[in-house]
Amino acid sequence: MISQLAHPSLMDCRRLFLSDYEVLINIGVHDFEKRGEQRVLINVDLYVPLGDSTPQHDELDEVVDYDFMRRSIAGRVAQGHIHLQETLVDDVVTLMLAHPKVRAVRVSTQKPDVYPDCRAVGVEVFRMKTPTP
């Protein structure tokens, strides 16, 4: 995974990540995909300014909790069938950017069981919040 921490707008951030979070999800546009669940691997990188994520008292409420990522994704997956990986990625990006401490996010999904001759097919999106004047 490539970190965006070299980007000038993110150099004062730390990266939190969720790597290869495996979910079984009803996803796909083909009829055979609509009849069952598929394995999808989800990766999330959150970029949080150090001032918003540096604990002063070693307490969980001082940082962005990893459970936030997992709960948000699980909630989206539980909503039912999704046709496109692009839709899933865009929805997860929106959920992650809704957290007030998150400045930027990178989300990717992979379907590892689609083709026998490749490791996976997938989608990736990187987005930053628009700075407020």
N, C-alpha and C. Protein backbone atom coordinates (compact mmCIF):
# COMPACT_ATOMS: atom_id res chain seq x y z
N MET A 1 0.84 -1.18 0.00
CA MET A 1 0.00 0.00 0.00
C MET A 1 0.89 1.25 0.00
N ILE A 2 0.48 2.21 -0.77
CA ILE A 2 1.21 3.47 -0.85
C ILE A 2 0.59 4.46 0.11
N SER A 3 1.41 5.06 0.94
CA SER A 3 0.94 6.09 1.86
C SER A 3 1.01 7.45 1.17
N GLN A 4 0.05 8.28 1.46
CA GLN A 4 0.00 9.63 0.90
C GLN A 4 0.66 10.65 1.81
N LEU A 5 1.38 10.21 2.85
CA LEU A 5 1.93 11.14 3.83
C LEU A 5 2.92 12.13 3.25
N ALA A 6 3.44 11.89 2.05
CA ALA A 6 4.35 12.84 1.41
C ALA A 6 3.60 14.01 0.78
N HIS A 7 2.29 13.90 0.65
CA HIS A 7 1.49 15.00 0.09
C HIS A 7 1.58 16.19 1.03
N PRO A 8 1.83 17.39 0.52
CA PRO A 8 2.01 18.57 1.39
C PRO A 8 0.87 18.80 2.38
N SER A 9 -0.36 18.48 1.99
CA SER A 9 -1.50 18.70 2.89
C SER A 9 -1.62 17.64 3.98
N LEU A 10 -0.79 16.60 3.89
CA LEU A 10 -0.91 15.50 4.84
C LEU A 10 0.36 15.26 5.64
N MET A 11 1.35 16.10 5.44
CA MET A 11 2.63 15.88 6.11
C MET A 11 2.56 16.03 7.63
N ASP A 12 1.49 16.66 8.12
CA ASP A 12 1.31 16.79 9.57
C ASP A 12 0.32 15.76 10.11
N CYS A 13 0.15 14.67 9.35
CA CYS A 13 -0.83 13.65 9.73
C CYS A 13 -0.15 12.34 10.11
N ARG A 14 -0.94 11.53 10.79
CA ARG A 14 -0.57 10.13 10.98
C ARG A 14 -1.56 9.32 10.16
N ARG A 15 -1.12 8.14 9.75
CA ARG A 15 -1.97 7.24 8.95
C ARG A 15 -2.43 6.09 9.83
N LEU A 16 -3.74 5.94 9.91
CA LEU A 16 -4.33 4.78 10.57
C LEU A 16 -4.81 3.87 9.46
N PHE A 17 -4.68 2.57 9.65
CA PHE A 17 -5.10 1.70 8.56
C PHE A 17 -5.81 0.45 9.04
N LEU A 18 -6.66 -0.02 8.16
CA LEU A 18 -7.37 -1.28 8.30
C LEU A 18 -6.98 -2.06 7.06
N SER A 19 -6.33 -3.19 7.23
CA SER A 19 -5.73 -3.91 6.11
C SER A 19 -6.42 -5.25 5.87
N ASP A 20 -6.88 -5.43 4.63
CA ASP A 20 -7.49 -6.68 4.19
C ASP A 20 -8.63 -7.14 5.11
N TYR A 21 -9.49 -6.22 5.45
CA TYR A 21 -10.69 -6.55 6.24
C TYR A 21 -11.60 -7.38 5.34
N GLU A 22 -11.80 -8.63 5.69
CA GLU A 22 -12.55 -9.55 4.85
C GLU A 22 -14.03 -9.57 5.25
N VAL A 23 -14.88 -9.30 4.25
CA VAL A 23 -16.32 -9.36 4.47
C VAL A 23 -16.94 -10.26 3.41
N LEU A 24 -18.03 -10.89 3.76
CA LEU A 24 -18.84 -11.61 2.79
C LEU A 24 -20.01 -10.70 2.47
N ILE A 25 -20.17 -10.40 1.20
CA ILE A 25 -21.14 -9.39 0.81
C ILE A 25 -21.84 -9.80 -0.48
N ASN A 26 -23.08 -9.43 -0.58
CA ASN A 26 -23.83 -9.64 -1.81
C ASN A 26 -23.52 -8.47 -2.73
N ILE A 27 -22.64 -8.71 -3.70
CA ILE A 27 -22.17 -7.64 -4.58
C ILE A 27 -22.01 -8.17 -6.00
N GLY A 28 -22.40 -7.37 -6.96
CA GLY A 28 -22.19 -7.73 -8.36
C GLY A 28 -23.39 -7.43 -9.22
N VAL A 29 -23.15 -7.34 -10.52
CA VAL A 29 -24.21 -7.00 -11.47
C VAL A 29 -24.75 -8.22 -12.19
N HIS A 30 -24.01 -9.32 -12.19
CA HIS A 30 -24.45 -10.52 -12.91
C HIS A 30 -25.43 -11.33 -12.06
N ASP A 31 -26.32 -12.04 -12.73
CA ASP A 31 -27.34 -12.82 -12.01
C ASP A 31 -26.73 -13.79 -11.01
N PHE A 32 -25.66 -14.48 -11.40
CA PHE A 32 -25.04 -15.45 -10.48
C PHE A 32 -24.46 -14.75 -9.25
N GLU A 33 -24.08 -13.49 -9.38
CA GLU A 33 -23.53 -12.75 -8.24
C GLU A 33 -24.64 -12.30 -7.28
N LYS A 34 -25.84 -12.19 -7.78
CA LYS A 34 -26.96 -11.74 -6.95
C LYS A 34 -27.55 -12.86 -6.11
N ARG A 35 -27.11 -14.09 -6.35
CA ARG A 35 -27.67 -15.24 -5.64
C ARG A 35 -26.88 -15.63 -4.40
N GLY A 36 -25.77 -14.98 -4.15
CA GLY A 36 -24.98 -15.36 -2.99
C GLY A 36 -23.96 -14.30 -2.65
N GLU A 37 -23.26 -14.55 -1.59
CA GLU A 37 -22.25 -13.60 -1.13
C GLU A 37 -20.91 -13.90 -1.77
N GLN A 38 -20.10 -12.85 -1.89
CA GLN A 38 -18.74 -12.98 -2.37
C GLN A 38 -17.80 -12.44 -1.30
N ARG A 39 -16.59 -12.95 -1.35
CA ARG A 39 -15.56 -12.46 -0.44
C ARG A 39 -14.99 -11.17 -1.03
N VAL A 40 -14.93 -10.13 -0.18
CA VAL A 40 -14.36 -8.85 -0.58
C VAL A 40 -13.37 -8.43 0.51
N LEU A 41 -12.20 -7.98 0.07
CA LEU A 41 -11.20 -7.45 0.99
C LEU A 41 -11.24 -5.93 0.91
N ILE A 42 -11.32 -5.29 2.06
CA ILE A 42 -11.42 -3.83 2.12
C ILE A 42 -10.22 -3.29 2.87
N ASN A 43 -9.60 -2.28 2.28
CA ASN A 43 -8.46 -1.60 2.89
C ASN A 43 -8.81 -0.13 3.06
N VAL A 44 -8.49 0.41 4.23
CA VAL A 44 -8.78 1.80 4.53
C VAL A 44 -7.53 2.44 5.14
N ASP A 45 -7.16 3.60 4.63
CA ASP A 45 -6.15 4.44 5.25
C ASP A 45 -6.83 5.74 5.63
N LEU A 46 -6.73 6.11 6.91
CA LEU A 46 -7.24 7.40 7.37
C LEU A 46 -6.06 8.29 7.68
N TYR A 47 -6.15 9.54 7.27
CA TYR A 47 -5.11 10.53 7.54
C TYR A 47 -5.68 11.53 8.52
N VAL A 48 -5.08 11.55 9.71
CA VAL A 48 -5.59 12.35 10.82
C VAL A 48 -4.47 13.31 11.27
N PRO A 49 -4.75 14.61 11.33
CA PRO A 49 -3.73 15.55 11.80
C PRO A 49 -3.20 15.14 13.17
N LEU A 50 -1.88 15.27 13.35
CA LEU A 50 -1.26 14.86 14.60
C LEU A 50 -1.87 15.58 15.80
N GLY A 51 -2.25 16.83 15.63
CA GLY A 51 -2.87 17.57 16.73
C GLY A 51 -4.19 16.96 17.17
N ASP A 52 -4.88 16.27 16.25
CA ASP A 52 -6.16 15.64 16.56
C ASP A 52 -6.01 14.17 16.93
N SER A 53 -4.79 13.65 16.86
CA SER A 53 -4.65 12.22 17.10
C SER A 53 -3.47 11.88 18.01
N THR A 54 -2.92 12.87 18.64
CA THR A 54 -1.83 12.61 19.56
C THR A 54 -2.38 12.60 20.98
N PRO A 55 -2.44 11.44 21.58
CA PRO A 55 -3.05 11.35 22.91
C PRO A 55 -2.19 12.04 23.97
N GLN A 56 -2.84 12.78 24.82
CA GLN A 56 -2.17 13.44 25.93
C GLN A 56 -2.22 12.59 27.20
N HIS A 57 -3.26 11.73 27.28
CA HIS A 57 -3.49 10.94 28.50
C HIS A 57 -3.58 9.44 28.22
N ASP A 58 -3.14 9.03 27.01
CA ASP A 58 -3.15 7.61 26.65
C ASP A 58 -4.55 7.02 26.74
N GLU A 59 -5.55 7.80 26.28
CA GLU A 59 -6.95 7.39 26.35
C GLU A 59 -7.51 7.21 24.94
N LEU A 60 -8.35 6.20 24.76
CA LEU A 60 -8.93 5.87 23.46
C LEU A 60 -9.74 7.02 22.86
N ASP A 61 -10.45 7.78 23.70
CA ASP A 61 -11.30 8.85 23.16
C ASP A 61 -10.49 10.03 22.62
N GLU A 62 -9.19 9.98 22.74
CA GLU A 62 -8.34 11.04 22.20
C GLU A 62 -7.93 10.80 20.74
N VAL A 63 -8.24 9.64 20.23
CA VAL A 63 -7.83 9.26 18.88
C VAL A 63 -9.03 8.74 18.08
N VAL A 64 -8.81 8.49 16.80
CA VAL A 64 -9.82 7.82 15.98
C VAL A 64 -9.68 6.33 16.25
N ASP A 65 -10.76 5.72 16.69
CA ASP A 65 -10.77 4.32 17.09
C ASP A 65 -10.88 3.43 15.84
N TYR A 66 -10.09 2.37 15.77
CA TYR A 66 -10.15 1.43 14.65
C TYR A 66 -11.55 0.84 14.51
N ASP A 67 -12.25 0.68 15.64
CA ASP A 67 -13.61 0.14 15.58
C ASP A 67 -14.54 1.02 14.74
N PHE A 68 -14.26 2.31 14.69
CA PHE A 68 -15.05 3.22 13.85
C PHE A 68 -15.03 2.75 12.39
N MET A 69 -13.86 2.35 11.91
CA MET A 69 -13.74 1.89 10.52
C MET A 69 -14.54 0.61 10.32
N ARG A 70 -14.34 -0.36 11.18
CA ARG A 70 -15.01 -1.65 11.04
C ARG A 70 -16.52 -1.53 11.19
N ARG A 71 -16.98 -0.76 12.18
CA ARG A 71 -18.42 -0.58 12.40
C ARG A 71 -19.07 0.10 11.20
N SER A 72 -18.41 1.12 10.68
CA SER A 72 -18.96 1.87 9.54
C SER A 72 -19.09 0.96 8.32
N ILE A 73 -18.07 0.17 8.05
CA ILE A 73 -18.11 -0.74 6.90
C ILE A 73 -19.17 -1.81 7.12
N ALA A 74 -19.20 -2.41 8.30
CA ALA A 74 -20.19 -3.45 8.59
C ALA A 74 -21.61 -2.91 8.43
N GLY A 75 -21.83 -1.68 8.88
CA GLY A 75 -23.15 -1.07 8.72
C GLY A 75 -23.54 -0.89 7.27
N ARG A 76 -22.58 -0.49 6.44
CA ARG A 76 -22.87 -0.31 5.01
C ARG A 76 -23.13 -1.65 4.34
N VAL A 77 -22.32 -2.65 4.65
CA VAL A 77 -22.48 -3.98 4.06
C VAL A 77 -23.84 -4.57 4.44
N ALA A 78 -24.29 -4.31 5.66
CA ALA A 78 -25.57 -4.85 6.14
C ALA A 78 -26.78 -4.25 5.44
N GLN A 79 -26.60 -3.18 4.69
CA GLN A 79 -27.73 -2.54 4.02
C GLN A 79 -28.25 -3.32 2.82
N GLY A 80 -27.53 -4.34 2.39
CA GLY A 80 -28.03 -5.17 1.30
C GLY A 80 -27.20 -5.10 0.04
N HIS A 81 -27.75 -5.67 -1.03
CA HIS A 81 -27.02 -5.84 -2.28
C HIS A 81 -26.45 -4.54 -2.83
N ILE A 82 -25.22 -4.64 -3.31
CA ILE A 82 -24.53 -3.54 -3.97
C ILE A 82 -24.13 -4.04 -5.35
N HIS A 83 -24.41 -3.27 -6.38
CA HIS A 83 -24.04 -3.71 -7.72
C HIS A 83 -22.54 -3.59 -7.99
N LEU A 84 -21.95 -2.46 -7.61
CA LEU A 84 -20.60 -2.15 -8.05
C LEU A 84 -19.63 -1.94 -6.88
N GLN A 85 -18.39 -2.38 -7.07
CA GLN A 85 -17.36 -2.08 -6.09
C GLN A 85 -17.17 -0.56 -5.97
N GLU A 86 -17.32 0.14 -7.08
CA GLU A 86 -17.18 1.60 -7.05
C GLU A 86 -18.17 2.23 -6.07
N THR A 87 -19.39 1.71 -6.04
CA THR A 87 -20.40 2.22 -5.12
C THR A 87 -19.98 1.95 -3.67
N LEU A 88 -19.52 0.74 -3.41
CA LEU A 88 -19.08 0.39 -2.06
C LEU A 88 -17.93 1.29 -1.61
N VAL A 89 -16.94 1.46 -2.48
CA VAL A 89 -15.78 2.31 -2.13
C VAL A 89 -16.23 3.74 -1.87
N ASP A 90 -17.05 4.30 -2.75
CA ASP A 90 -17.52 5.68 -2.57
C ASP A 90 -18.29 5.84 -1.27
N ASP A 91 -19.11 4.86 -0.94
CA ASP A 91 -19.89 4.92 0.30
C ASP A 91 -18.98 4.86 1.53
N VAL A 92 -17.97 4.00 1.49
CA VAL A 92 -17.04 3.90 2.62
C VAL A 92 -16.22 5.18 2.75
N VAL A 93 -15.79 5.75 1.64
CA VAL A 93 -15.06 7.02 1.67
C VAL A 93 -15.90 8.09 2.35
N THR A 94 -17.16 8.19 1.97
CA THR A 94 -18.07 9.19 2.56
C THR A 94 -18.21 8.97 4.07
N LEU A 95 -18.37 7.73 4.48
CA LEU A 95 -18.50 7.42 5.90
C LEU A 95 -17.25 7.81 6.68
N MET A 96 -16.09 7.52 6.12
CA MET A 96 -14.83 7.83 6.81
C MET A 96 -14.60 9.34 6.91
N LEU A 97 -14.90 10.06 5.83
CA LEU A 97 -14.70 11.51 5.85
C LEU A 97 -15.69 12.23 6.75
N ALA A 98 -16.76 11.55 7.13
CA ALA A 98 -17.74 12.16 8.04
C ALA A 98 -17.18 12.30 9.46
N HIS A 99 -16.13 11.55 9.78
CA HIS A 99 -15.52 11.67 11.11
C HIS A 99 -14.81 13.02 11.19
N PRO A 100 -15.07 13.80 12.22
CA PRO A 100 -14.51 15.16 12.29
C PRO A 100 -12.99 15.23 12.36
N LYS A 101 -12.33 14.17 12.81
CA LYS A 101 -10.87 14.20 12.92
C LYS A 101 -10.16 13.76 11.66
N VAL A 102 -10.87 13.18 10.71
CA VAL A 102 -10.24 12.64 9.50
C VAL A 102 -10.11 13.73 8.45
N ARG A 103 -8.88 13.92 7.95
CA ARG A 103 -8.63 14.91 6.89
C ARG A 103 -8.70 14.29 5.50
N ALA A 104 -8.25 13.05 5.38
CA ALA A 104 -8.23 12.38 4.08
C ALA A 104 -8.39 10.88 4.28
N VAL A 105 -8.76 10.21 3.18
CA VAL A 105 -8.98 8.77 3.25
C VAL A 105 -8.62 8.12 1.92
N ARG A 106 -8.11 6.91 2.03
CA ARG A 106 -7.91 6.06 0.86
C ARG A 106 -8.62 4.76 1.16
N VAL A 107 -9.48 4.33 0.23
CA VAL A 107 -10.23 3.09 0.40
C VAL A 107 -10.06 2.26 -0.87
N SER A 108 -9.80 0.97 -0.68
CA SER A 108 -9.78 0.07 -1.82
C SER A 108 -10.56 -1.19 -1.47
N THR A 109 -11.12 -1.79 -2.52
CA THR A 109 -11.78 -3.09 -2.37
C THR A 109 -11.18 -4.03 -3.40
N GLN A 110 -11.20 -5.31 -3.04
CA GLN A 110 -10.73 -6.34 -3.95
C GLN A 110 -11.67 -7.54 -3.87
N LYS A 111 -12.02 -8.05 -5.03
CA LYS A 111 -12.74 -9.31 -5.11
C LYS A 111 -11.73 -10.37 -5.56
N PRO A 112 -11.25 -11.19 -4.62
CA PRO A 112 -10.16 -12.12 -4.95
C PRO A 112 -10.59 -13.40 -5.66
N ASP A 113 -11.87 -13.65 -5.76
CA ASP A 113 -12.32 -14.93 -6.29
C ASP A 113 -13.03 -14.82 -7.64
N VAL A 114 -12.84 -13.71 -8.35
CA VAL A 114 -13.57 -13.50 -9.60
C VAL A 114 -12.96 -14.28 -10.76
N TYR A 115 -11.65 -14.16 -10.95
CA TYR A 115 -10.99 -14.82 -12.07
C TYR A 115 -9.92 -15.78 -11.55
N PRO A 116 -9.81 -16.95 -12.16
CA PRO A 116 -8.79 -17.90 -11.70
C PRO A 116 -7.37 -17.51 -12.09
N ASP A 117 -7.22 -16.59 -13.04
CA ASP A 117 -5.88 -16.27 -13.54
C ASP A 117 -5.34 -14.94 -13.04
N CYS A 118 -5.95 -14.38 -11.98
CA CYS A 118 -5.40 -13.17 -11.36
C CYS A 118 -5.73 -13.19 -9.87
N ARG A 119 -4.94 -12.44 -9.10
CA ARG A 119 -5.10 -12.44 -7.65
C ARG A 119 -6.40 -11.77 -7.22
N ALA A 120 -6.78 -10.67 -7.92
CA ALA A 120 -8.00 -9.94 -7.52
C ALA A 120 -8.34 -8.88 -8.57
N VAL A 121 -9.57 -8.42 -8.50
CA VAL A 121 -10.00 -7.23 -9.24
C VAL A 121 -10.52 -6.24 -8.21
N GLY A 122 -10.28 -4.95 -8.46
CA GLY A 122 -10.67 -4.01 -7.42
C GLY A 122 -10.74 -2.57 -7.85
N VAL A 123 -11.00 -1.74 -6.86
CA VAL A 123 -11.20 -0.30 -7.05
C VAL A 123 -10.52 0.41 -5.89
N GLU A 124 -9.97 1.60 -6.17
CA GLU A 124 -9.37 2.40 -5.12
C GLU A 124 -9.71 3.87 -5.33
N VAL A 125 -9.98 4.58 -4.23
CA VAL A 125 -10.26 6.02 -4.27
C VAL A 125 -9.49 6.70 -3.14
N PHE A 126 -8.94 7.86 -3.44
CA PHE A 126 -8.32 8.71 -2.43
C PHE A 126 -9.03 10.05 -2.47
N ARG A 127 -9.42 10.55 -1.28
CA ARG A 127 -10.08 11.87 -1.20
C ARG A 127 -9.65 12.59 0.04
N MET A 128 -9.55 13.93 -0.09
CA MET A 128 -9.26 14.81 1.04
C MET A 128 -10.46 15.72 1.24
N LYS A 129 -10.67 16.11 2.50
CA LYS A 129 -11.68 17.12 2.77
C LYS A 129 -11.24 18.44 2.17
N THR A 130 -12.19 19.19 1.70
CA THR A 130 -11.88 20.52 1.20
C THR A 130 -11.61 21.41 2.40
N PRO A 131 -10.47 22.11 2.40
CA PRO A 131 -10.16 22.97 3.55
C PRO A 131 -11.21 24.10 3.69
N THR A 132 -11.56 24.38 4.91
CA THR A 132 -12.50 25.47 5.16
C THR A 132 -11.71 26.77 5.28
N PRO A 133 -12.23 27.84 4.66
CA PRO A 133 -11.51 29.12 4.69
C PRO A 133 -11.44 29.75 6.06
